Amino acid sequence: MSMRLSFVTGRLMACWGVFSLIATAVAGEPSLAIKGSNTFGHDLAPVLIREFRQAHPEIGVTLESKGSGSGFAALLAGDCAIASSSRPANEDELRLARSRGVALADHPIGYYGVAVIVNAGNPVARLSDDQVRDVFTGAATDWRMIGGSPGAVHLYILSPGLGESLGFQELAMERRPYAASARACSSYVDVVAAVAKDPGGIGYADMTLGSRSGVRMVRINGVPPNVVTVNSDDYPYSRTLRLYTVKDRESQAAREFISFVKSDAGQAVLSRMGFVRLEESRLPSMGW
């Protein structure tokens, strides 16, 4: 199920986490259907589409976000021109493509990375991935259990219905449920604000917000969260964002959109939205 609305600036939400928006095009003009990842479609895609259409107002764009798997299914069924995904195509999807005599083209566009944050006064600077899992699932409830000073751990998370909340469960929690004591926030900004006010607080946020006053990002397995470690695939809580097309069947509209996303203008949108852009492994260390 999806909602179809005239394209508007900002976030559009539909039932069961499905997001859909349409930029109306005149009959006969080119159109572009993008389906797939919630991570791509929730906040990032609407802004990319809006800015893309400023340069290409003649191209109507539809967006539907039901998950990476739905994007591959739609692409292979011929129901969209671009499948967005926060993971590589799996063997079943590649096998289905081969059975239909098509090859998929993989277009990496950037990275989704999330940092674990603590209050700036908290002495804990490093956590293992096991410790992070235990904290957010409720197995570790006191800071002394994970190398800190005695005191209750206060969890701040994104509301469970948000795509980023599910994403953190997949990246850091082995898909296990959040602790019942976790306090839900409506945005990363709210998570950061809550942790900054709470000496016992811990949460997660995008890396741009993680550097705000009052909070501190922690190393995971000794690896700091920054653009260098994300690009080098060393930081564990990150994913490559990808746009897939069918080779030899790419429409001009699909090529134009992918080219825009990889351009300086498109990559600037990723940075502005808290994602990590491509090719930033060339940047110097951030002083960790």
Protein backbone atom coordinates (compact mmCIF):
# COMPACT_ATOMS: atom_id res chain seq x y z
CA MET A 1 0.00 0.00 0.00
CA SER A 2 1.33 3.47 -0.79
CA MET A 3 0.09 7.03 -0.88
CA ARG A 4 0.41 9.00 -4.09
CA LEU A 5 0.59 12.73 -3.67
CA SER A 6 1.83 15.65 -5.74
CA PHE A 7 5.51 16.21 -5.07
CA VAL A 8 6.11 18.55 -2.15
CA THR A 9 9.19 19.62 -0.27
CA GLY A 10 10.08 17.56 2.74
CA ARG A 11 9.11 14.23 4.19
CA LEU A 12 5.96 12.38 3.20
CA MET A 13 4.79 9.45 5.28
CA ALA A 14 2.39 6.67 4.46
CA CYS A 15 0.99 3.60 6.21
CA TRP A 16 3.32 0.83 7.42
CA GLY A 17 6.42 2.90 6.81
CA VAL A 18 5.87 3.17 3.05
CA PHE A 19 6.85 6.47 1.58
CA SER A 20 5.76 7.56 -1.83
CA LEU A 21 5.87 10.83 -3.71
CA ILE A 22 5.16 11.79 -7.27
CA ALA A 23 6.48 14.66 -9.32
CA THR A 24 3.82 15.09 -11.96
CA ALA A 25 5.02 15.19 -15.54
CA VAL A 26 3.17 16.15 -18.64
CA ALA A 27 1.97 13.19 -20.70
CA GLY A 28 4.67 12.05 -23.08
CA GLU A 29 7.51 13.48 -21.02
CA PRO A 30 10.05 11.13 -19.38
CA SER A 31 9.38 9.66 -15.95
CA LEU A 32 11.46 7.78 -13.41
CA ALA A 33 10.28 5.23 -10.82
CA ILE A 34 12.54 4.52 -7.83
CA LYS A 35 11.65 1.75 -5.36
CA GLY A 36 13.37 0.11 -2.43
CA SER A 37 15.31 1.07 0.69
CA ASN A 38 13.72 2.89 3.62
CA THR A 39 17.17 4.17 4.58
CA PHE A 40 17.43 5.91 1.22
CA GLY A 41 13.77 6.80 0.83
CA HIS A 42 12.84 8.11 4.27
CA ASP A 43 14.63 11.48 4.37
CA LEU A 44 17.41 11.52 1.80
CA ALA A 45 15.58 10.67 -1.43
CA PRO A 46 12.91 13.41 -1.20
CA VAL A 47 15.61 16.08 -0.95
CA LEU A 48 17.68 14.56 -3.75
CA ILE A 49 14.60 14.34 -5.96
CA ARG A 50 13.59 17.92 -5.22
CA GLU A 51 17.02 19.26 -6.15
CA PHE A 52 17.32 16.96 -9.16
CA ARG A 53 14.03 18.26 -10.55
CA GLN A 54 15.20 21.84 -10.25
CA ALA A 55 17.64 20.98 -13.03
CA HIS A 56 15.31 18.48 -14.75
CA PRO A 57 11.73 19.70 -14.28
CA GLU A 58 10.66 17.69 -17.32
CA ILE A 59 11.30 14.36 -15.55
CA GLY A 60 8.50 13.09 -13.32
CA VAL A 61 9.78 11.01 -10.40
CA THR A 62 7.95 8.46 -8.26
CA LEU A 63 9.39 7.11 -5.03
CA GLU A 64 8.27 4.10 -3.03
CA SER A 65 10.13 2.82 0.03
CA LYS A 66 9.14 -0.63 1.27
CA GLY A 67 12.63 -2.02 1.85
CA SER A 68 15.64 -3.05 -0.22
CA GLY A 69 14.16 -6.43 -1.13
CA SER A 70 11.05 -4.83 -2.59
CA GLY A 71 13.24 -2.65 -4.78
CA PHE A 72 15.07 -5.61 -6.31
CA ALA A 73 11.75 -7.41 -6.88
CA ALA A 74 10.29 -4.37 -8.63
CA LEU A 75 13.40 -3.81 -10.73
CA LEU A 76 13.48 -7.42 -11.94
CA ALA A 77 9.74 -7.31 -12.65
CA GLY A 78 10.17 -4.17 -14.75
CA ASP A 79 8.16 -2.05 -12.31
CA CYS A 80 10.85 0.55 -11.69
CA ALA A 81 13.96 1.92 -13.35
CA ILE A 82 16.06 2.21 -10.18
CA ALA A 83 16.13 -0.02 -7.10
CA SER A 84 17.56 1.68 -4.03
CA SER A 85 19.26 -0.55 -1.49
CA SER A 86 21.23 -0.36 1.75
CA ARG A 87 22.85 -3.75 1.05
CA PRO A 88 24.34 -5.58 -1.92
CA ALA A 89 22.05 -7.76 -4.01
CA ASN A 90 21.92 -11.19 -2.39
CA GLU A 91 22.46 -14.52 -4.13
CA ASP A 92 18.75 -15.18 -4.59
CA GLU A 93 18.29 -11.82 -6.30
CA LEU A 94 21.34 -12.33 -8.51
CA ARG A 95 20.13 -15.83 -9.40
CA LEU A 96 16.71 -14.48 -10.35
CA ALA A 97 18.35 -11.83 -12.50
CA ARG A 98 20.43 -14.47 -14.29
CA SER A 99 17.35 -16.62 -14.85
CA ARG A 100 15.74 -13.68 -16.62
CA GLY A 101 18.80 -13.01 -18.72
CA VAL A 102 19.62 -9.64 -17.16
CA ALA A 103 22.63 -8.25 -15.36
CA LEU A 104 22.38 -5.71 -12.56
CA ALA A 105 24.45 -2.53 -12.51
CA ASP A 106 25.51 -1.48 -9.00
CA HIS A 107 25.94 2.28 -8.41
CA PRO A 108 27.28 3.11 -4.90
CA ILE A 109 26.23 6.64 -3.96
CA GLY A 110 27.40 7.10 -0.36
CA TYR A 111 27.11 5.68 3.11
CA TYR A 112 24.74 5.56 6.03
CA GLY A 113 26.69 5.64 9.28
CA VAL A 114 25.49 5.94 12.86
CA ALA A 115 27.56 6.87 15.91
CA VAL A 116 26.97 5.74 19.49
CA ILE A 117 27.01 8.82 21.73
CA VAL A 118 27.38 9.36 25.48
CA ASN A 119 27.21 12.45 27.65
CA ALA A 120 30.37 14.57 27.33
CA GLY A 121 31.11 14.02 31.03
CA ASN A 122 31.00 10.25 30.76
CA PRO A 123 34.50 8.67 30.99
CA VAL A 124 33.54 5.78 28.69
CA ALA A 125 35.28 6.39 25.37
CA ARG A 126 35.32 2.88 23.88
CA LEU A 127 32.82 0.06 23.64
CA SER A 128 32.90 -3.28 21.91
CA ASP A 129 30.10 -4.23 19.56
CA ASP A 130 29.02 -6.86 22.13
CA GLN A 131 28.78 -4.18 24.81
CA VAL A 132 26.71 -1.93 22.57
CA ARG A 133 24.35 -4.80 21.84
CA ASP A 134 24.03 -5.58 25.55
CA VAL A 135 23.36 -1.96 26.46
CA PHE A 136 20.62 -1.36 23.92
CA THR A 137 18.92 -4.72 24.48
CA GLY A 138 18.91 -4.17 28.26
CA ALA A 139 21.40 -6.89 29.23
CA ALA A 140 23.80 -4.24 30.62
CA THR A 141 21.96 -1.80 32.87
CA ASP A 142 24.79 -0.23 34.89
CA TRP A 143 27.79 1.65 33.53
CA ARG A 144 30.20 -0.40 35.69
CA MET A 145 29.18 -3.45 33.62
CA ILE A 146 30.79 -1.86 30.54
CA GLY A 147 33.83 -0.16 32.07
CA GLY A 148 32.27 3.00 33.44
CA SER A 149 31.54 4.43 36.88
CA PRO A 150 28.64 2.92 38.86
CA GLY A 151 25.29 4.31 37.80
CA ALA A 152 22.22 3.38 35.81
CA VAL A 153 22.41 3.39 32.01
CA HIS A 154 19.71 5.58 30.47
CA LEU A 155 18.90 4.65 26.87
CA TYR A 156 17.71 7.12 24.25
CA ILE A 157 16.63 5.72 20.90
CA LEU A 158 14.64 6.72 17.85
CA SER A 159 10.96 5.81 17.84
CA PRO A 160 10.71 2.13 16.81
CA GLY A 161 8.61 2.94 13.74
CA LEU A 162 11.35 4.97 12.09
CA GLY A 163 13.58 3.36 9.47
CA GLU A 164 16.76 4.51 11.21
CA SER A 165 15.61 2.83 14.43
CA LEU A 166 15.25 -0.49 12.60
CA GLY A 167 18.57 0.14 10.91
CA PHE A 168 20.38 0.42 14.24
CA GLN A 169 18.82 -2.85 15.39
CA GLU A 170 20.18 -4.53 12.27
CA LEU A 171 23.64 -2.95 12.50
CA ALA A 172 24.27 -3.12 16.23
CA MET A 173 21.74 -5.35 17.96
CA GLU A 174 21.49 -8.52 15.87
CA ARG A 175 17.87 -7.48 15.20
CA ARG A 176 16.98 -7.98 18.87
CA PRO A 177 14.32 -5.79 20.56
CA TYR A 178 15.28 -2.60 22.34
CA ALA A 179 15.26 -2.64 26.16
CA ALA A 180 11.83 -1.87 27.58
CA SER A 181 13.38 1.03 29.52
CA ALA A 182 14.57 2.82 26.37
CA ARG A 183 13.18 6.31 25.91
CA ALA A 184 11.97 6.97 22.37
CA CYS A 185 12.77 10.23 20.58
CA SER A 186 11.33 11.51 17.33
CA SER A 187 14.65 12.53 15.72
CA TYR A 188 18.41 12.28 16.03
CA VAL A 189 18.42 15.90 17.18
CA ASP A 190 16.18 14.95 20.10
CA VAL A 191 18.40 11.97 20.98
CA VAL A 192 21.47 14.22 21.09
CA ALA A 193 19.67 16.83 23.20
CA ALA A 194 18.51 14.19 25.69
CA VAL A 195 21.94 12.58 26.08
CA ALA A 196 23.57 16.00 26.46
CA LYS A 197 21.34 16.69 29.47
CA ASP A 198 21.72 13.27 31.11
CA PRO A 199 25.08 12.20 32.63
CA GLY A 200 23.91 8.57 32.44
CA GLY A 201 22.59 8.84 28.91
CA ILE A 202 23.61 6.89 25.83
CA GLY A 203 22.08 6.93 22.37
CA TYR A 204 22.94 7.07 18.70
CA ALA A 205 22.91 9.71 15.99
CA ASP A 206 24.35 10.55 12.62
CA MET A 207 27.99 11.56 12.75
CA THR A 208 27.43 15.24 12.07
CA LEU A 209 25.21 15.53 15.14
CA GLY A 210 27.50 13.33 17.21
CA SER A 211 30.09 16.09 17.32
CA ARG A 212 27.71 18.58 18.95
CA SER A 213 28.46 20.13 22.32
CA GLY A 214 27.39 18.08 25.33
CA VAL A 215 27.89 14.64 23.76
CA ARG A 216 30.80 12.54 22.60
CA MET A 217 31.02 9.76 20.05
CA VAL A 218 32.62 6.53 21.28
CA ARG A 219 34.94 4.19 19.44
CA ILE A 220 33.49 0.81 18.53
CA ASN A 221 35.99 -2.08 18.72
CA GLY A 222 38.64 0.64 18.85
CA VAL A 223 37.47 2.24 15.59
CA PRO A 224 36.32 5.88 15.62
CA PRO A 225 33.21 6.89 13.67
CA ASN A 226 34.26 9.27 10.90
CA VAL A 227 34.25 9.58 7.13
CA VAL A 228 37.65 7.91 6.82
CA THR A 229 36.70 4.73 8.69
CA VAL A 230 33.32 4.55 6.97
CA ASN A 231 34.85 4.85 3.50
CA SER A 232 37.50 2.25 4.37
CA ASP A 233 34.79 -0.15 5.63
CA ASP A 234 36.46 -0.37 9.04
CA TYR A 235 33.68 1.19 11.10
CA PRO A 236 31.06 -1.47 11.90
CA TYR A 237 27.91 0.65 12.07
CA SER A 238 27.69 1.77 8.47
CA ARG A 239 26.17 0.66 5.19
CA THR A 240 26.84 1.52 1.58
CA LEU A 241 23.84 3.10 -0.12
CA ARG A 242 23.37 1.77 -3.65
CA LEU A 243 21.22 2.43 -6.68
CA TYR A 244 20.73 -0.58 -8.95
CA THR A 245 19.65 -0.60 -12.57
CA VAL A 246 19.40 -3.27 -15.25
CA LYS A 247 22.43 -3.08 -17.51
CA ASP A 248 21.69 -2.25 -21.13
CA ARG A 249 18.19 -1.10 -20.14
CA GLU A 250 18.99 2.09 -18.28
CA SER A 251 16.72 4.92 -19.28
CA GLN A 252 18.12 8.37 -19.90
CA ALA A 253 16.18 9.59 -16.86
CA ALA A 254 17.82 6.94 -14.65
CA ARG A 255 21.27 7.85 -15.91
CA GLU A 256 20.59 11.55 -15.31
CA PHE A 257 19.44 10.92 -11.75
CA ILE A 258 22.37 8.68 -10.82
CA SER A 259 24.78 11.17 -12.36
CA PHE A 260 23.23 13.94 -10.27
CA VAL A 261 23.44 11.95 -7.02
CA LYS A 262 27.15 11.30 -7.64
CA SER A 263 27.84 14.92 -8.60
CA ASP A 264 29.17 17.52 -6.18
CA ALA A 265 25.63 18.89 -5.77
CA GLY A 266 24.16 15.48 -4.99
CA GLN A 267 26.98 14.52 -2.64
CA ALA A 268 26.52 17.82 -0.82
CA VAL A 269 22.93 16.76 -0.14
CA LEU A 270 24.18 13.52 1.45
CA SER A 271 26.52 15.44 3.72
CA ARG A 272 23.82 17.94 4.66
CA MET A 273 21.41 15.13 5.53
CA GLY A 274 23.91 13.41 7.85
CA PHE A 275 25.10 10.71 5.43
CA VAL A 276 28.71 10.11 4.39
CA ARG A 277 29.61 11.00 0.85
CA LEU A 278 31.76 8.97 -1.51
CA GLU A 279 35.52 9.38 -1.83
CA GLU A 280 36.06 11.01 1.56
CA SER A 281 38.70 8.45 2.48
CA ARG A 282 41.10 11.01 1.03
CA LEU A 283 40.34 13.35 3.92
CA PRO A 284 42.76 13.59 6.86
CA SER A 285 42.05 11.95 10.21
CA MET A 286 39.65 13.82 12.48
CA GLY A 287 42.00 13.86 15.45
CA TRP A 288 40.89 10.67 17.23
